[in-house]
Amino acid sequence: MKRYDVIVVGAGISGLLAALTLSKHGKKVLVLEKRRNLGGNCNSYMVEGYQVDTGAHAITHLIEGPLKRLMDNYFDFLPVFEDYGHYYVRTENTFVKVPSNLKDFVTFDVLPRKDRVLLSQTLTKAFTLSSFGIDLSNQSVYDFLPKGLSKDTYDFVDTISAFLSGRSMKETSAQRVLSGSSFVRDSITQEQFDA
């Protein structure tokens, strides 16, 4: 007699939801995780007294979509998600909102002006390619970036990539940044987004 019907490798959000769904359908499920904590990128941690939240609640819009349908169908208790508002970069003297559209990005003076122009052009190119159905999931963020950016800009992009995927910009696909950030949502109309 077998002990488990299914073995799920990885207890990130996808592995946990797969295990939950299968168990709700009567399967005996074993979940294996090599890390100390469950939930993958869904966690919180403290940075100099400030709580930083990562994961599906921060990078996925939960009003509709597959995660919302899974929660509606399989969760015994539905979590209440508060709008997290905006994310901020702490500079030496203040907090600056992380840009969520191209217009905000151009005025994001945390990064050098030349880099903002180059990155704005790169984002526009990525939006255009994606809107024409070109798959950017096999191209890393790093490979998609223009060369010659400042170290601060590379560090910023690497941090955003890690925030969205839990991986460096060399391991995060350009498509992940487009689909996981609010750039797409905040840079186009709802009708364009639905299409």
Protein backbone atom coordinates (compact mmCIF):
# COMPACT_ATOMS: atom_id res chain seq x y z
CA MET A 1 0.00 0.00 0.00
CA LYS A 2 1.42 3.37 -0.97
CA ARG A 3 1.63 6.05 1.68
CA TYR A 4 1.01 9.08 -0.59
CA ASP A 5 -0.88 9.70 -3.78
CA VAL A 6 1.17 12.78 -4.60
CA ILE A 7 4.52 14.21 -3.52
CA VAL A 8 4.87 17.97 -4.02
CA VAL A 9 8.46 19.21 -4.17
CA GLY A 10 8.73 22.78 -2.96
CA ALA A 11 6.58 24.53 -0.39
CA GLY A 12 6.38 27.89 -2.10
CA ILE A 13 2.99 29.43 -2.78
CA SER A 14 2.44 27.23 -5.86
CA GLY A 15 3.48 24.02 -4.11
CA LEU A 16 1.33 24.77 -1.08
CA LEU A 17 -1.70 25.63 -3.20
CA ALA A 18 -1.21 22.49 -5.31
CA ALA A 19 -1.01 20.39 -2.14
CA LEU A 20 -4.10 22.07 -0.69
CA THR A 21 -6.11 21.57 -3.89
CA LEU A 22 -5.12 17.91 -4.20
CA SER A 23 -5.84 17.22 -0.53
CA LYS A 24 -9.29 18.79 -0.85
CA HIS A 25 -9.93 16.24 -3.61
CA GLY A 26 -9.11 13.39 -1.24
CA LYS A 27 -5.47 12.79 -2.20
CA LYS A 28 -2.82 11.95 0.39
CA VAL A 29 -0.15 14.58 -0.18
CA LEU A 30 3.42 14.89 1.08
CA VAL A 31 5.09 18.30 0.71
CA LEU A 32 8.90 18.48 0.72
CA GLU A 33 10.81 21.72 1.28
CA LYS A 34 14.57 22.17 1.63
CA ARG A 35 14.45 25.61 3.21
CA ARG A 36 13.68 26.36 6.83
CA ASN A 37 10.53 28.41 6.11
CA LEU A 38 7.45 27.58 4.07
CA GLY A 39 5.81 29.92 1.58
CA GLY A 40 8.76 30.69 -0.70
CA ASN A 41 8.63 34.37 -1.55
CA CYS A 42 5.51 34.90 0.59
CA ASN A 43 7.03 36.19 3.77
CA SER A 44 7.92 39.23 5.76
CA TYR A 45 11.24 40.35 7.09
CA MET A 46 12.57 43.35 8.96
CA VAL A 47 15.06 45.86 7.57
CA GLU A 48 16.30 48.35 10.14
CA GLY A 49 12.97 48.41 11.96
CA TYR A 50 10.75 48.40 8.84
CA GLN A 51 8.67 45.38 7.87
CA VAL A 52 9.08 44.37 4.23
CA ASP A 53 6.38 42.10 2.80
CA THR A 54 6.96 39.96 -0.25
CA GLY A 55 4.89 37.40 -2.05
CA ALA A 56 1.58 36.97 -3.76
CA HIS A 57 -0.19 39.63 -1.70
CA ALA A 58 2.37 42.18 -2.83
CA ILE A 59 3.06 41.11 -6.40
CA THR A 60 -0.24 39.69 -7.61
CA HIS A 61 -3.50 41.53 -8.01
CA LEU A 62 -5.98 39.42 -6.07
CA ILE A 63 -9.25 40.96 -7.20
CA GLU A 64 -9.54 38.32 -9.93
CA GLY A 65 -7.47 35.62 -11.56
CA PRO A 66 -6.33 32.07 -10.84
CA LEU A 67 -5.09 32.66 -7.30
CA LYS A 68 -8.39 34.28 -6.34
CA ARG A 69 -10.33 31.34 -7.84
CA LEU A 70 -8.19 28.83 -5.91
CA MET A 71 -8.77 30.72 -2.67
CA ASP A 72 -12.53 30.95 -3.29
CA ASN A 73 -12.78 27.24 -4.06
CA TYR A 74 -10.37 25.66 -1.59
CA PHE A 75 -9.63 27.90 1.39
CA ASP A 76 -11.64 27.18 4.53
CA PHE A 77 -11.09 30.78 5.63
CA LEU A 78 -10.51 33.56 3.14
CA PRO A 79 -7.76 36.01 4.06
CA VAL A 80 -8.51 39.69 4.06
CA PHE A 81 -6.04 41.52 1.85
CA GLU A 82 -5.42 45.15 2.59
CA ASP A 83 -4.31 47.39 -0.22
CA TYR A 84 -0.62 47.76 0.44
CA GLY A 85 -0.46 51.10 -1.27
CA HIS A 86 2.89 52.03 -2.70
CA TYR A 87 6.39 50.83 -2.03
CA TYR A 88 9.14 53.26 -1.15
CA VAL A 89 12.88 53.52 -1.44
CA ARG A 90 14.57 54.96 1.59
CA THR A 91 17.21 57.49 0.65
CA GLU A 92 19.57 59.25 3.01
CA ASN A 93 17.03 61.98 3.78
CA THR A 94 13.58 60.75 2.84
CA PHE A 95 11.37 58.07 1.32
CA VAL A 96 10.68 58.10 -2.42
CA LYS A 97 7.80 56.15 -3.97
CA VAL A 98 8.89 53.32 -6.25
CA PRO A 99 7.51 54.29 -9.66
CA SER A 100 4.53 52.33 -10.95
CA ASN A 101 4.28 53.84 -14.43
CA LEU A 102 6.57 55.37 -17.03
CA LYS A 103 5.70 58.95 -16.12
CA ASP A 104 6.66 58.37 -12.47
CA PHE A 105 9.78 56.52 -13.54
CA VAL A 106 11.10 59.44 -15.58
CA THR A 107 10.97 61.66 -12.47
CA PHE A 108 12.40 59.00 -10.12
CA ASP A 109 15.47 61.02 -9.18
CA VAL A 110 16.92 58.28 -6.98
CA LEU A 111 18.60 57.06 -10.17
CA PRO A 112 20.76 59.13 -12.55
CA ARG A 113 18.82 60.92 -15.31
CA LYS A 114 20.69 59.15 -18.12
CA ASP A 115 19.83 55.76 -16.60
CA ARG A 116 16.15 56.72 -16.21
CA VAL A 117 15.97 57.66 -19.88
CA LEU A 118 17.64 54.41 -20.94
CA LEU A 119 15.42 52.33 -18.64
CA SER A 120 12.28 54.14 -19.82
CA GLN A 121 13.20 53.29 -23.40
CA THR A 122 13.84 49.69 -22.39
CA LEU A 123 10.48 49.41 -20.61
CA THR A 124 8.72 50.90 -23.62
CA LYS A 125 10.44 48.35 -25.86
CA ALA A 126 9.42 45.52 -23.52
CA PHE A 127 5.77 46.70 -23.44
CA THR A 128 5.72 46.93 -27.22
CA LEU A 129 7.25 43.49 -27.77
CA SER A 130 4.93 41.94 -25.21
CA SER A 131 1.85 43.60 -26.73
CA PHE A 132 2.79 42.06 -30.09
CA GLY A 133 2.84 38.64 -28.46
CA ILE A 134 6.60 38.23 -28.29
CA ASP A 135 7.53 35.95 -25.39
CA LEU A 136 10.05 37.60 -23.06
CA SER A 137 10.08 34.77 -20.53
CA ASN A 138 13.33 33.31 -21.87
CA GLN A 139 15.25 36.59 -21.68
CA SER A 140 16.62 37.69 -18.32
CA VAL A 141 16.11 41.18 -16.98
CA TYR A 142 19.89 41.62 -17.00
CA ASP A 143 20.18 40.68 -20.68
CA PHE A 144 17.30 43.00 -21.54
CA LEU A 145 18.92 46.01 -19.87
CA PRO A 146 20.97 48.51 -21.85
CA LYS A 147 24.68 48.36 -21.10
CA GLY A 148 26.57 51.09 -19.27
CA LEU A 149 24.11 51.78 -16.45
CA SER A 150 25.41 52.96 -13.08
CA LYS A 151 26.02 50.55 -10.22
CA ASP A 152 23.13 52.16 -8.29
CA THR A 153 20.77 51.42 -11.17
CA TYR A 154 21.95 47.82 -11.49
CA ASP A 155 21.50 47.42 -7.72
CA PHE A 156 18.00 48.91 -7.90
CA VAL A 157 16.94 46.63 -10.77
CA ASP A 158 18.45 43.63 -8.99
CA THR A 159 16.48 44.48 -5.85
CA ILE A 160 13.21 44.87 -7.78
CA SER A 161 13.87 41.54 -9.51
CA ALA A 162 14.49 39.82 -6.18
CA PHE A 163 11.35 41.40 -4.77
CA LEU A 164 9.23 40.08 -7.65
CA SER A 165 10.79 36.66 -8.13
CA GLY A 166 13.10 35.93 -5.23
CA ARG A 167 15.97 35.76 -7.71
CA SER A 168 18.61 38.06 -9.14
CA MET A 169 18.06 40.05 -12.32
CA LYS A 170 20.21 37.47 -14.15
CA GLU A 171 17.74 34.75 -13.12
CA THR A 172 14.49 36.73 -13.44
CA SER A 173 12.75 36.86 -16.81
CA ALA A 174 11.86 40.19 -18.36
CA GLN A 175 8.28 38.89 -18.64
CA ARG A 176 8.15 38.38 -14.86
CA VAL A 177 8.90 42.02 -14.24
CA LEU A 178 6.22 43.11 -16.70
CA SER A 179 3.56 40.76 -15.37
CA GLY A 180 4.45 40.95 -11.69
CA SER A 181 4.89 44.65 -11.25
CA SER A 182 2.28 47.34 -11.49
CA PHE A 183 3.97 48.88 -14.53
CA VAL A 184 1.63 47.13 -16.94
CA ARG A 185 -1.45 47.88 -14.88
CA ASP A 186 -0.58 51.51 -14.24
CA SER A 187 0.81 52.33 -17.69
CA ILE A 188 -2.14 51.18 -19.80
CA THR A 189 -5.90 51.54 -19.60
CA GLN A 190 -8.08 48.77 -18.17
CA GLU A 191 -9.44 48.06 -21.67
CA GLN A 192 -5.92 47.55 -23.02
CA PHE A 193 -5.04 45.35 -20.03
CA ASP A 194 -8.15 43.18 -20.53
CA ALA A 195 -7.36 42.78 -24.24
